[in-house]
Amino acid sequence: MTGNESVPCMQTVKLLQEFLDRELTMTEVSTVQGHLDRCPPCLKLFRFEEGVRRLVRIHCGGDCAPSSLRDEILARLKRTRA
């Protein structure tokens, strides 16, 4: 972080997950984006986190459990509750 930045890196890093999830207010988005525009180390971390999420989405998002497994889990839950 350079000395003239108004938002510390630690604060930006704490907000990265919410930033990626689009859970920040417009003011917070503007603050984080402004910091990322001026801070190469934080931008590098953001791009890494974004890349990890993309890989997880690509490689882990398409498989569904077989319906037989779903049925078995539901049956066990019903037996546990009874």
Protein backbone atom coordinates (compact mmCIF):
# COMPACT_ATOMS: atom_id res chain seq x y z
CA MET A 1 0.00 0.00 0.00
CA THR A 2 1.27 3.44 -0.80
CA GLY A 3 1.12 6.24 1.75
CA ASN A 4 -1.54 8.27 -0.09
CA GLU A 5 -4.28 5.63 -0.13
CA SER A 6 -7.37 6.41 1.90
CA VAL A 7 -8.41 2.76 2.45
CA PRO A 8 -5.92 0.34 4.02
CA CYS A 9 -5.20 -2.97 2.32
CA MET A 10 -6.42 -4.93 5.36
CA GLN A 11 -9.86 -3.34 5.09
CA THR A 12 -10.01 -4.07 1.36
CA VAL A 13 -8.93 -7.69 1.83
CA LYS A 14 -11.64 -8.18 4.48
CA LEU A 15 -14.24 -7.03 1.95
CA LEU A 16 -13.03 -9.07 -1.04
CA GLN A 17 -15.35 -12.04 -0.48
CA GLU A 18 -18.40 -9.81 -0.17
CA PHE A 19 -17.18 -7.84 -3.18
CA LEU A 20 -16.96 -11.05 -5.22
CA ASP A 21 -20.40 -12.12 -3.97
CA ARG A 22 -21.85 -8.70 -4.89
CA GLU A 23 -23.04 -8.20 -1.32
CA LEU A 24 -21.62 -4.71 -0.75
CA THR A 25 -23.36 -1.38 -0.89
CA MET A 26 -22.64 0.87 -3.86
CA THR A 27 -20.41 3.00 -1.62
CA GLU A 28 -18.43 -0.05 -0.48
CA VAL A 29 -18.11 -1.31 -4.06
CA SER A 30 -16.76 2.07 -5.11
CA THR A 31 -14.30 2.10 -2.21
CA VAL A 32 -13.01 -1.42 -2.88
CA GLN A 33 -12.82 -0.88 -6.65
CA GLY A 34 -10.95 2.38 -6.13
CA HIS A 35 -8.44 0.64 -3.89
CA LEU A 36 -7.99 -2.22 -6.37
CA ASP A 37 -7.39 0.32 -9.14
CA ARG A 38 -4.50 1.83 -7.15
CA CYS A 39 -3.01 -1.19 -5.37
CA PRO A 40 -1.39 -3.89 -7.52
CA PRO A 41 -0.88 -6.38 -4.62
CA CYS A 42 -4.57 -6.22 -3.65
CA LEU A 43 -5.60 -6.47 -7.30
CA LYS A 44 -3.41 -9.56 -7.65
CA LEU A 45 -5.12 -11.14 -4.62
CA PHE A 46 -8.55 -10.23 -6.03
CA ARG A 47 -7.72 -11.83 -9.38
CA PHE A 48 -6.47 -14.96 -7.60
CA GLU A 49 -9.69 -15.25 -5.54
CA GLU A 50 -11.78 -14.61 -8.64
CA GLY A 51 -9.87 -17.34 -10.50
CA VAL A 52 -10.36 -19.86 -7.70
CA ARG A 53 -14.08 -19.17 -7.69
CA ARG A 54 -14.22 -19.58 -11.46
CA LEU A 55 -12.44 -22.94 -11.27
CA VAL A 56 -14.74 -24.18 -8.51
CA ARG A 57 -17.80 -23.07 -10.49
CA ILE A 58 -16.55 -24.80 -13.66
CA HIS A 59 -15.40 -28.04 -12.07
CA CYS A 60 -17.80 -28.46 -9.16
CA GLY A 61 -21.03 -26.90 -10.29
CA GLY A 62 -22.38 -29.33 -12.85
CA ASP A 63 -22.59 -32.67 -11.13
CA CYS A 64 -25.80 -33.67 -9.43
CA ALA A 65 -26.15 -36.49 -6.97
CA PRO A 66 -28.04 -39.49 -8.30
CA SER A 67 -31.72 -39.47 -7.39
CA SER A 68 -31.26 -42.75 -5.52
CA LEU A 69 -28.78 -41.05 -3.19
CA ARG A 70 -31.16 -38.17 -2.61
CA ASP A 71 -33.99 -40.60 -1.84
CA GLU A 72 -31.80 -42.53 0.61
CA ILE A 73 -30.76 -39.37 2.45
CA LEU A 74 -34.34 -38.18 2.73
CA ALA A 75 -35.46 -41.59 4.00
CA ARG A 76 -32.73 -41.60 6.65
CA LEU A 77 -33.68 -38.09 7.74
CA LYS A 78 -37.31 -39.15 8.13
CA ARG A 79 -36.27 -42.19 10.22
CA THR A 80 -34.05 -40.00 12.41
CA ARG A 81 -36.86 -37.53 13.06
CA ALA A 82 -39.40 -40.27 13.90
